[in-house]
Amino acid sequence: AEGSKGPLVAEVSIQRVRESREGQPGQELWLIIRRLEGGKLKYYLSNAPQDMEAEELKRALLMRWPIEQCFEDGKKYLGMDHYEHRSWNGWHRHMLYVFLAMLFLLRLRLKFKKKLQL
């Protein structure tokens, strides 16, 4: 996956664990430990099914940055966080327009990127 400063490089370990609440056994979860380039550790818990492939879990984990970047861009450039609606429909209408604008800009970006590569 790509980050803002280039490719994301990390070691990842995935293990099934059982949560414990007040000393009682809980459900089985995936524990994902990621060591970043600087040695910093990040921990994640997932309730994904037991038969899920480890590679699929890794892929989902690496999608976190692009999704966060998408929301940040929506807030910064398209006013995703500038709504003052008092109704459920009003909020959803606002989000729909923001997402349509994001899709339009993405398609423009991809179109011009292809033209520049020629």
Protein backbone atom coordinates (compact mmCIF):
# COMPACT_ATOMS: atom_id res chain seq x y z
CA ALA A 1 0.00 0.00 0.00
CA GLU A 2 1.05 3.57 -0.58
CA GLY A 3 1.34 6.20 2.12
CA SER A 4 1.83 9.96 1.76
CA LYS A 5 5.61 9.42 1.77
CA GLY A 6 5.76 6.33 -0.45
CA PRO A 7 5.18 2.61 0.08
CA LEU A 8 4.13 1.43 3.54
CA VAL A 9 6.55 -1.20 4.85
CA ALA A 10 5.73 -3.21 7.97
CA GLU A 11 6.00 -6.65 9.52
CA VAL A 12 2.64 -8.17 10.41
CA SER A 13 1.78 -11.04 12.75
CA ILE A 14 -1.74 -12.47 12.94
CA GLN A 15 -3.02 -14.83 15.65
CA ARG A 16 -6.39 -16.06 16.93
CA VAL A 17 -6.95 -15.08 20.58
CA ARG A 18 -9.84 -15.26 23.03
CA GLU A 19 -10.90 -12.06 24.74
CA SER A 20 -11.41 -11.97 28.48
CA ARG A 21 -13.93 -9.78 30.26
CA GLU A 22 -14.01 -9.72 34.03
CA GLY A 23 -12.07 -12.98 34.08
CA GLN A 24 -14.60 -14.77 31.88
CA PRO A 25 -13.72 -16.08 28.42
CA GLY A 26 -15.28 -14.18 25.56
CA GLN A 27 -15.37 -14.61 21.83
CA GLU A 28 -12.43 -15.55 19.63
CA LEU A 29 -10.87 -12.63 17.77
CA TRP A 30 -7.98 -11.99 15.44
CA LEU A 31 -5.04 -10.18 17.06
CA ILE A 32 -3.01 -8.32 14.47
CA ILE A 33 0.34 -6.85 15.48
CA ARG A 34 2.11 -4.57 13.03
CA ARG A 35 5.71 -3.38 13.43
CA LEU A 36 6.38 -0.20 11.47
CA GLU A 37 9.75 0.72 9.97
CA GLY A 38 10.84 2.66 13.06
CA GLY A 39 10.09 -0.31 15.32
CA LYS A 40 6.80 1.12 16.65
CA LEU A 41 4.14 -1.53 17.31
CA LYS A 42 0.44 -1.15 16.47
CA TYR A 43 -2.19 -3.58 17.76
CA TYR A 44 -5.58 -4.35 16.22
CA LEU A 45 -8.43 -6.70 17.14
CA SER A 46 -10.81 -8.01 14.50
CA ASN A 47 -14.00 -10.01 14.81
CA ALA A 48 -13.60 -11.32 11.24
CA PRO A 49 -14.61 -14.96 10.72
CA GLN A 50 -12.16 -17.67 11.76
CA ASP A 51 -11.88 -18.99 8.20
CA MET A 52 -10.77 -15.62 6.81
CA GLU A 53 -7.40 -15.78 5.07
CA ALA A 54 -4.49 -13.93 6.73
CA GLU A 55 -3.70 -12.15 3.45
CA GLU A 56 -7.23 -10.77 3.31
CA LEU A 57 -6.90 -9.43 6.86
CA LYS A 58 -3.59 -7.78 5.95
CA ARG A 59 -5.14 -6.22 2.86
CA ALA A 60 -8.04 -4.83 4.92
CA LEU A 61 -5.59 -3.42 7.49
CA LEU A 62 -3.59 -1.65 4.78
CA MET A 63 -6.76 -0.04 3.39
CA ARG A 64 -7.11 2.03 6.54
CA TRP A 65 -4.79 4.83 5.38
CA PRO A 66 -6.42 5.40 1.96
CA ILE A 67 -9.87 5.46 3.55
CA GLU A 68 -8.78 7.99 6.19
CA GLN A 69 -7.15 10.07 3.44
CA CYS A 70 -10.41 10.02 1.48
CA PHE A 71 -12.38 11.37 4.45
CA GLU A 72 -9.71 13.99 5.18
CA ASP A 73 -9.81 15.20 1.56
CA GLY A 74 -13.61 15.26 1.65
CA LYS A 75 -13.54 17.49 4.71
CA LYS A 76 -10.73 19.71 3.45
CA TYR A 77 -11.81 20.26 -0.15
CA LEU A 78 -15.50 19.40 -0.42
CA GLY A 79 -17.09 20.50 2.85
CA MET A 80 -17.96 17.04 4.11
CA ASP A 81 -17.94 18.36 7.68
CA HIS A 82 -19.80 21.62 6.88
CA TYR A 83 -23.38 20.60 7.39
CA GLU A 84 -25.99 22.13 9.65
CA HIS A 85 -28.92 19.83 9.00
CA ARG A 86 -31.45 18.91 11.59
CA SER A 87 -32.92 15.95 9.76
CA TRP A 88 -31.78 12.49 8.79
CA ASN A 89 -32.69 13.13 5.14
CA GLY A 90 -30.83 16.44 5.09
CA TRP A 91 -27.61 14.87 6.40
CA HIS A 92 -27.82 11.99 3.92
CA ARG A 93 -28.49 14.37 1.04
CA HIS A 94 -25.43 16.43 1.99
CA MET A 95 -23.24 13.30 2.20
CA LEU A 96 -24.58 12.06 -1.15
CA TYR A 97 -23.54 15.31 -2.86
CA VAL A 98 -20.10 15.20 -1.24
CA PHE A 99 -19.56 11.58 -2.34
CA LEU A 100 -20.73 12.37 -5.88
CA ALA A 101 -18.28 15.28 -6.01
CA MET A 102 -15.50 12.99 -4.72
CA LEU A 103 -16.32 10.42 -7.41
CA PHE A 104 -16.31 13.12 -10.09
CA LEU A 105 -12.91 14.43 -8.97
CA LEU A 106 -11.48 10.92 -8.76
CA ARG A 107 -12.59 10.14 -12.30
CA LEU A 108 -11.08 13.42 -13.53
CA ARG A 109 -7.82 12.64 -11.75
CA LEU A 110 -7.66 9.16 -13.30
CA LYS A 111 -8.54 10.51 -16.75
CA PHE A 112 -5.80 13.14 -16.70
CA LYS A 113 -3.30 10.73 -15.16
CA LYS A 114 -3.76 8.39 -18.14
CA LYS A 115 -3.27 11.27 -20.59
CA LEU A 116 -0.08 12.41 -18.86
CA GLN A 117 1.48 8.94 -19.04
CA LEU A 118 1.38 8.90 -22.87
